[in-house]
Protein backbone atom coordinates (compact mmCIF):
# COMPACT_ATOMS: atom_id res chain seq x y z
CA MET A 1 11.60 -13.39 24.25
CA LYS A 2 13.27 -12.07 27.39
CA LEU A 3 17.04 -11.61 27.30
CA ASN A 4 19.56 -10.85 30.04
CA SER A 5 21.33 -7.71 28.83
CA ALA A 6 20.58 -4.67 26.71
CA LYS A 7 23.32 -5.72 24.29
CA GLU A 8 21.66 -9.11 23.72
CA VAL A 9 18.32 -7.37 23.19
CA TRP A 10 19.68 -5.04 20.50
CA ILE A 11 21.58 -7.83 18.73
CA ALA A 12 18.39 -9.92 18.64
CA ARG A 13 16.37 -6.96 17.35
CA ILE A 14 18.87 -6.25 14.57
CA ILE A 15 18.79 -9.90 13.48
CA ALA A 16 14.98 -9.79 13.54
CA TRP A 17 14.96 -6.60 11.44
CA VAL A 18 17.23 -8.18 8.81
CA VAL A 19 14.87 -11.16 8.55
CA ILE A 20 11.83 -8.86 8.45
CA ALA A 21 13.48 -6.76 5.71
CA ALA A 22 13.85 -9.87 3.55
CA LEU A 23 10.23 -10.84 4.22
CA SER A 24 9.05 -7.29 3.52
CA CYS A 25 10.56 -7.35 0.04
CA GLY A 26 8.39 -10.36 -0.75
CA ILE A 27 5.34 -8.87 0.92
CA ILE A 28 5.61 -5.60 -1.02
CA PHE A 29 6.18 -7.49 -4.29
CA VAL A 30 3.16 -9.75 -3.75
CA THR A 31 0.81 -6.97 -2.66
CA THR A 32 1.89 -4.72 -5.53
CA PHE A 33 1.69 -7.25 -8.34
CA MET A 34 -1.01 -9.63 -7.07
CA LEU A 35 -3.24 -7.67 -4.70
CA GLY A 36 -3.02 -4.43 -6.73
CA PRO A 37 -4.49 -5.85 -9.95
CA SER A 38 -7.18 -7.69 -8.01
CA LEU A 39 -8.48 -4.29 -6.87
CA PHE A 40 -9.93 -3.81 -10.38
CA VAL A 41 -12.88 -5.87 -9.14
CA ILE A 42 -14.06 -3.02 -6.89
CA PRO A 43 -16.80 -1.14 -8.78
CA ASN A 44 -15.96 2.41 -9.93
CA LEU A 45 -12.56 2.46 -8.20
CA ASN A 46 -10.93 3.14 -11.60
CA ASP A 47 -13.12 6.20 -12.08
CA LYS A 48 -12.47 7.48 -8.56
CA ILE A 49 -8.70 7.22 -8.99
CA ALA A 50 -8.73 8.88 -12.42
CA LEU A 51 -10.95 11.70 -11.14
CA ALA A 52 -8.74 12.22 -8.08
CA VAL A 53 -5.63 12.46 -10.28
CA PHE A 54 -6.88 14.50 -13.23
CA CYS A 55 -10.00 16.32 -11.97
CA PRO A 56 -9.59 17.18 -8.29
CA GLY A 57 -12.54 19.23 -7.09
CA ALA A 58 -14.90 18.18 -9.89
CA GLU A 59 -18.57 18.24 -8.91
CA SER A 60 -19.67 15.50 -11.29
CA SER A 61 -18.48 13.41 -14.19
CA THR A 62 -19.77 11.27 -17.03
CA THR A 63 -18.06 8.20 -18.43
CA GLN A 64 -18.38 7.10 -22.04
CA GLU A 65 -17.10 3.64 -22.89
CA GLY A 66 -16.37 3.03 -26.53
CA ALA A 67 -16.21 -0.04 -28.68
CA SER A 68 -13.42 -2.57 -28.55
CA VAL A 69 -10.66 -1.50 -30.93
CA PRO A 70 -7.35 -3.08 -31.97
CA THR A 71 -4.43 -2.12 -29.77
CA THR A 72 -1.85 -2.74 -32.51
CA SER A 73 -1.73 -2.58 -36.28
CA ASP A 74 -1.29 -6.35 -36.40
CA PRO A 75 -4.59 -8.02 -37.42
CA SER A 76 -4.01 -10.86 -34.96
CA GLY A 77 -3.17 -8.43 -32.13
CA GLY A 78 -5.18 -7.79 -29.00
CA TYR A 79 -8.23 -5.61 -28.55
CA GLY A 80 -9.10 -3.10 -25.86
CA HIS A 81 -12.02 -0.82 -25.08
CA THR A 82 -11.83 2.96 -24.94
CA VAL A 83 -12.94 5.17 -22.07
CA GLU A 84 -13.47 8.92 -22.02
CA VAL A 85 -14.42 10.76 -18.83
CA THR A 86 -15.79 14.30 -18.82
CA CYS A 87 -15.41 16.25 -15.57
CA TYR A 88 -17.74 19.12 -14.69
CA PHE A 89 -16.61 21.85 -12.29
CA ALA A 90 -18.57 24.36 -10.22
CA ASP A 91 -17.59 27.31 -12.44
CA GLY A 92 -19.15 25.59 -15.47
CA SER A 93 -15.88 24.47 -17.04
CA THR A 94 -15.25 20.93 -18.21
CA LYS A 95 -12.21 18.75 -18.63
CA ILE A 96 -11.93 15.56 -20.65
CA ILE A 97 -9.78 12.66 -19.46
CA ARG A 98 -8.54 10.82 -22.54
CA ASN A 99 -8.31 7.04 -22.76
CA GLU A 100 -4.52 7.03 -22.28
CA GLN A 101 -4.72 9.21 -19.18
CA TYR A 102 -7.52 7.08 -17.77
CA ALA A 103 -5.54 3.88 -18.34
CA LEU A 104 -2.37 5.25 -16.74
CA ALA A 105 -4.21 6.62 -13.73
CA SER A 106 -6.29 3.50 -13.09
CA ILE A 107 -3.52 0.94 -13.67
CA GLY A 108 -0.92 2.97 -11.79
CA GLY A 109 -3.38 3.67 -9.01
CA MET A 110 -4.22 0.00 -8.53
CA PHE A 111 -0.57 -1.04 -8.39
CA GLY A 112 0.16 1.92 -6.10
CA ILE A 113 -2.62 1.02 -3.67
CA GLY A 114 -1.35 -2.57 -3.59
CA GLY A 115 2.17 -1.34 -2.88
CA LEU A 116 0.96 0.96 -0.09
CA ILE A 117 -0.85 -1.93 1.56
CA GLY A 118 2.40 -3.92 1.45
CA ILE A 119 4.35 -1.04 2.96
CA LEU A 120 1.83 -0.68 5.80
CA VAL A 121 2.05 -4.40 6.58
CA SER A 122 5.85 -4.16 6.53
CA ILE A 123 5.89 -1.18 8.89
CA LEU A 124 3.76 -3.14 11.35
CA LEU A 125 6.18 -6.06 11.11
CA PHE A 126 9.18 -3.80 11.73
CA THR A 127 7.70 -2.62 15.04
CA THR A 128 7.14 -6.14 16.44
CA PRO A 129 10.74 -6.65 17.72
CA PHE A 130 10.19 -3.76 20.15
CA PHE A 131 7.32 -5.68 21.74
CA LEU A 132 8.56 -9.25 21.45
CA ILE A 133 12.27 -8.90 22.27
CA ARG A 134 12.80 -7.39 25.72
CA LYS A 135 15.21 -7.45 28.62
CA LYS A 136 14.32 -9.55 31.65
CA LYS A 137 13.13 -7.55 34.62
CA GLU A 138 15.46 -7.80 37.57
CA LYS A 139 13.96 -9.43 40.62
CA TRP A 140 13.54 -7.23 43.64
CA ASN A 141 15.55 -8.64 46.52
CA ALA A 142 13.60 -8.37 49.76
CA ASP A 143 16.81 -8.25 51.80
CA LEU A 144 17.95 -5.10 50.07
CA SER A 145 14.68 -3.23 50.21
CA PRO A 146 14.63 -0.07 52.34
CA HIS A 147 11.61 -1.35 54.29
CA SER A 148 13.14 -4.61 55.47
CA SER A 149 13.65 -5.13 59.19
CA LYS A 150 17.27 -6.35 58.91
């Protein structure tokens, strides 16, 4: 959109940014709570996130998945599996990531990655008014040019 004055351009950009801010709230919400959990489908992404959080610099790791156990004391409650990751470092030391740590890192990491994707999309949207809303270029009058013969 080409506007006549700089004031009109900035008013249009501010209105566009208000609309984009409202849209960005929805975009960030959807990517965090819908796209984030869908990232659990990617193989070994849980392990990579947990290792990056709790064992940075580990040379290798082993994962042991346990049996499904009750998550509450209620007999009709839900069940969940247990995971324990052992990290091995270059100096020969080891570190064990407990099930609770693994769950927090992987669930938080997935939601965090989804939120970051939403923020990146929103930042791209916030830059579009600079490209789409501009001032009209003034036409060059041939009679006023320094090279005219008049």
